[in-house]
Every structure is written in C-alpha cells, then in structure tokens.
C-alpha cells in the first residue's frame, strides 16, 4: 500500500528492487514507476510474480491471487474506508458522532 504521493492509499506490487531505497512498483490503478520504500506500507499479502514482469503478466497474477479481496479484509483497508467516510461527513453528521461519543463515555463511566 502506498502512503504518500499521487497514489496514496492505492495498492501495488513490488516487481523489482532498484537499490536499497527504491523499488519498481505497479498496480491496477498505479502505473509502473520507481517508488521509495519508506513511502510504502508492506502487507503480508504475497503473490507469485516473475521479476520485472510485463503488465499483462502482473495483472494475471493479481487477479489469480485475488489481491483486492484479501486487501479489503485487512485492518489497513478498513481504516482507509473509515477515514474516507469521516472525511465526507457534514457538520450535522459530526454533531451526531459527538453526541454518540458522549453517550458512550457516560455509559462506560456508570
């Protein structure tokens, strides 16, 4: 998963290692490009892709391993979805969340 840059929040596959700090990545919504390792979050999802594979080969391996479904079940994906929902809240929705948090805190104190 990419943390920073234009494609933040997207998933990609590491196709090759360029040097100690950079890797070659590509994903369904990410073009093939060099990317800094420190700007990524590695997951435990591993797919068998030949080194420096072509786009078509990489996409076959991606769909065969069902990476999208596996990633959707991870905590990182759930956190991204929750943050996206919160980002799109209106003032009234934020107010309702505040009241629910207060009610929860009151119940926990009792």
C-alpha atoms as a PDB file:
ATOM      1  CA  UNK A   1       0.000   0.000   0.000  1.00  0.00           C
ATOM      2  CA  UNK A   2       1.332   3.445  -0.895  1.00  0.00           C
ATOM      3  CA  UNK A   3       1.402   6.047   1.893  1.00  0.00           C
ATOM      4  CA  UNK A   4       2.406   9.222   0.076  1.00  0.00           C
ATOM      5  CA  UNK A   5       2.296  10.849  -3.319  1.00  0.00           C
ATOM      6  CA  UNK A   6      -0.271  10.989  -6.046  1.00  0.00           C
ATOM      7  CA  UNK A   7      -1.346   7.375  -5.498  1.00  0.00           C
ATOM      8  CA  UNK A   8      -1.630   7.396  -1.690  1.00  0.00           C
ATOM      9  CA  UNK A   9      -3.969   4.698  -0.412  1.00  0.00           C
ATOM     10  CA  UNK A  10      -3.636   2.540  -3.545  1.00  0.00           C
ATOM     11  CA  UNK A  11      -2.208  -0.966  -3.630  1.00  0.00           C
ATOM     12  CA  UNK A  12       0.671  -2.046  -5.840  1.00  0.00           C
ATOM     13  CA  UNK A  13       3.062  -4.947  -6.358  1.00  0.00           C
ATOM     14  CA  UNK A  14       6.826  -4.698  -5.992  1.00  0.00           C
ATOM     15  CA  UNK A  15       8.163  -6.015  -9.288  1.00  0.00           C
ATOM     16  CA  UNK A  16      11.879  -5.415  -8.789  1.00  0.00           C
ATOM     17  CA  UNK A  17      14.374  -3.873  -6.386  1.00  0.00           C
ATOM     18  CA  UNK A  18      16.314  -0.942  -7.842  1.00  0.00           C
ATOM     19  CA  UNK A  19      18.546  -0.169  -4.855  1.00  0.00           C
ATOM     20  CA  UNK A  20      18.338  -0.063  -1.056  1.00  0.00           C
ATOM     21  CA  UNK A  21      15.811   2.798  -1.066  1.00  0.00           C
ATOM     22  CA  UNK A  22      13.782   2.317  -4.253  1.00  0.00           C
ATOM     23  CA  UNK A  23      11.662  -0.421  -5.811  1.00  0.00           C
ATOM     24  CA  UNK A  24       9.816  -0.814  -9.098  1.00  0.00           C
ATOM     25  CA  UNK A  25       6.060  -0.982  -8.445  1.00  0.00           C
ATOM     26  CA  UNK A  26       2.882  -1.387 -10.448  1.00  0.00           C
ATOM     27  CA  UNK A  27      -0.769  -1.988  -9.673  1.00  0.00           C
ATOM     28  CA  UNK A  28      -4.179  -1.918 -11.334  1.00  0.00           C
ATOM     29  CA  UNK A  29      -4.559   1.802 -10.628  1.00  0.00           C
ATOM     30  CA  UNK A  30      -0.850   2.607 -10.300  1.00  0.00           C
ATOM     31  CA  UNK A  31       1.408   2.896 -13.362  1.00  0.00           C
ATOM     32  CA  UNK A  32       4.810   1.201 -13.405  1.00  0.00           C
ATOM     33  CA  UNK A  33       7.287   3.522 -11.706  1.00  0.00           C
ATOM     34  CA  UNK A  34      10.153   3.625  -9.222  1.00  0.00           C
ATOM     35  CA  UNK A  35       8.980   4.310  -5.687  1.00  0.00           C
ATOM     36  CA  UNK A  36      10.697   4.941  -2.353  1.00  0.00           C
ATOM     37  CA  UNK A  37      10.359   2.074   0.122  1.00  0.00           C
ATOM     38  CA  UNK A  38       9.870   4.482   3.028  1.00  0.00           C
ATOM     39  CA  UNK A  39       6.672   5.754   1.360  1.00  0.00           C
ATOM     40  CA  UNK A  40       5.067   2.286   1.396  1.00  0.00           C
ATOM     41  CA  UNK A  41       3.352   0.067   3.937  1.00  0.00           C
ATOM     42  CA  UNK A  42       4.162  -3.559   3.265  1.00  0.00           C
ATOM     43  CA  UNK A  43       1.405  -6.095   3.845  1.00  0.00           C
ATOM     44  CA  UNK A  44       1.554  -9.852   4.368  1.00  0.00           C
ATOM     45  CA  UNK A  45      -0.168 -10.440   1.012  1.00  0.00           C
ATOM     46  CA  UNK A  46       2.303 -12.169  -1.289  1.00  0.00           C
ATOM     47  CA  UNK A  47       1.707 -13.087  -4.928  1.00  0.00           C
ATOM     48  CA  UNK A  48       3.969 -15.064  -7.210  1.00  0.00           C
ATOM     49  CA  UNK A  49       5.029 -12.617  -9.925  1.00  0.00           C
ATOM     50  CA  UNK A  50       8.128 -13.106 -12.076  1.00  0.00           C
ATOM     51  CA  UNK A  51      10.795 -10.456 -11.564  1.00  0.00           C
ATOM     52  CA  UNK A  52      10.182  -7.361 -13.750  1.00  0.00           C
ATOM     53  CA  UNK A  53       7.062  -8.977 -15.240  1.00  0.00           C
ATOM     54  CA  UNK A  54       5.133  -7.278 -18.011  1.00  0.00           C
ATOM     55  CA  UNK A  55       1.876  -5.516 -17.231  1.00  0.00           C
ATOM     56  CA  UNK A  56      -0.307  -8.266 -18.670  1.00  0.00           C
ATOM     57  CA  UNK A  57       1.513 -10.974 -16.680  1.00  0.00           C
ATOM     58  CA  UNK A  58       1.338  -8.939 -13.486  1.00  0.00           C
ATOM     59  CA  UNK A  59      -2.417  -8.395 -13.892  1.00  0.00           C
ATOM     60  CA  UNK A  60      -2.991 -12.158 -14.438  1.00  0.00           C
ATOM     61  CA  UNK A  61      -1.113 -12.929 -11.222  1.00  0.00           C
ATOM     62  CA  UNK A  62      -3.001 -10.129  -9.416  1.00  0.00           C
ATOM     63  CA  UNK A  63      -6.423 -11.493 -10.363  1.00  0.00           C
ATOM     64  CA  UNK A  64      -5.408 -15.131  -9.784  1.00  0.00           C
ATOM     65  CA  UNK A  65      -4.281 -14.304  -6.233  1.00  0.00           C
ATOM     66  CA  UNK A  66      -7.444 -12.216  -5.611  1.00  0.00           C
ATOM     67  CA  UNK A  67      -5.402  -9.426  -4.031  1.00  0.00           C
ATOM     68  CA  UNK A  68      -8.255  -6.906  -3.927  1.00  0.00           C
ATOM     69  CA  UNK A  69     -10.432  -9.160  -1.751  1.00  0.00           C
ATOM     70  CA  UNK A  70      -7.523 -10.068   0.521  1.00  0.00           C
ATOM     71  CA  UNK A  71      -6.576  -6.423   0.969  1.00  0.00           C
ATOM     72  CA  UNK A  72     -10.175  -5.396   1.667  1.00  0.00           C
ATOM     73  CA  UNK A  73     -10.197  -7.732   4.665  1.00  0.00           C
ATOM     74  CA  UNK A  74      -7.060  -6.205   6.248  1.00  0.00           C
ATOM     75  CA  UNK A  75      -7.156  -3.667   9.074  1.00  0.00           C
ATOM     76  CA  UNK A  76      -5.364  -1.099   6.897  1.00  0.00           C
ATOM     77  CA  UNK A  77      -8.130  -1.218   4.278  1.00  0.00           C
ATOM     78  CA  UNK A  78     -10.821  -0.938   6.930  1.00  0.00           C
ATOM     79  CA  UNK A  79      -9.052   2.074   8.425  1.00  0.00           C
ATOM     80  CA  UNK A  80      -8.824   3.740   4.998  1.00  0.00           C
ATOM     81  CA  UNK A  81     -12.549   3.176   4.434  1.00  0.00           C
ATOM     82  CA  UNK A  82     -13.404   4.575   7.868  1.00  0.00           C
ATOM     83  CA  UNK A  83     -11.244   7.664   7.269  1.00  0.00           C
ATOM     84  CA  UNK A  84     -12.876   8.221   3.875  1.00  0.00           C
ATOM     85  CA  UNK A  85     -16.338   8.092   5.458  1.00  0.00           C
ATOM     86  CA  UNK A  86     -15.313  10.535   8.195  1.00  0.00           C
ATOM     87  CA  UNK A  87     -13.756  12.886   5.662  1.00  0.00           C
ATOM     88  CA  UNK A  88     -17.092  13.193   3.854  1.00  0.00           C
ATOM     89  CA  UNK A  89     -19.227  13.918   6.947  1.00  0.00           C
ATOM     90  CA  UNK A  90     -21.327  17.061   7.123  1.00  0.00           C
ATOM     91  CA  UNK A  91     -21.490  19.350  10.165  1.00  0.00           C
ATOM     92  CA  UNK A  92     -24.673  17.683  11.377  1.00  0.00           C
ATOM     93  CA  UNK A  93     -23.153  14.209  10.980  1.00  0.00           C
ATOM     94  CA  UNK A  94     -20.107  15.286  13.025  1.00  0.00           C
ATOM     95  CA  UNK A  95     -22.505  16.636  15.664  1.00  0.00           C
ATOM     96  CA  UNK A  96     -24.322  13.284  15.832  1.00  0.00           C
ATOM     97  CA  UNK A  97     -20.973  11.471  16.201  1.00  0.00           C
ATOM     98  CA  UNK A  98     -20.034  13.810  19.057  1.00  0.00           C
ATOM     99  CA  UNK A  99     -23.308  13.085  20.871  1.00  0.00           C
ATOM    100  CA  UNK A 100     -22.846   9.337  20.393  1.00  0.00           C
ATOM    101  CA  UNK A 101     -19.316   9.551  21.841  1.00  0.00           C
ATOM    102  CA  UNK A 102     -20.611  11.476  24.851  1.00  0.00           C
ATOM    103  CA  UNK A 103     -23.371   8.910  25.424  1.00  0.00           C
ATOM    104  CA  UNK A 104     -20.856   6.067  25.157  1.00  0.00           C
ATOM    105  CA  UNK A 105     -18.494   7.740  27.641  1.00  0.00           C
ATOM    106  CA  UNK A 106     -21.386   8.277  30.071  1.00  0.00           C
ATOM    107  CA  UNK A 107     -22.390   4.616  29.868  1.00  0.00           C
ATOM    108  CA  UNK A 108     -18.796   3.455  30.376  1.00  0.00           C
ATOM    109  CA  UNK A 109     -18.392   5.686  33.441  1.00  0.00           C
ATOM    110  CA  UNK A 110     -21.550   4.281  35.043  1.00  0.00           C
END
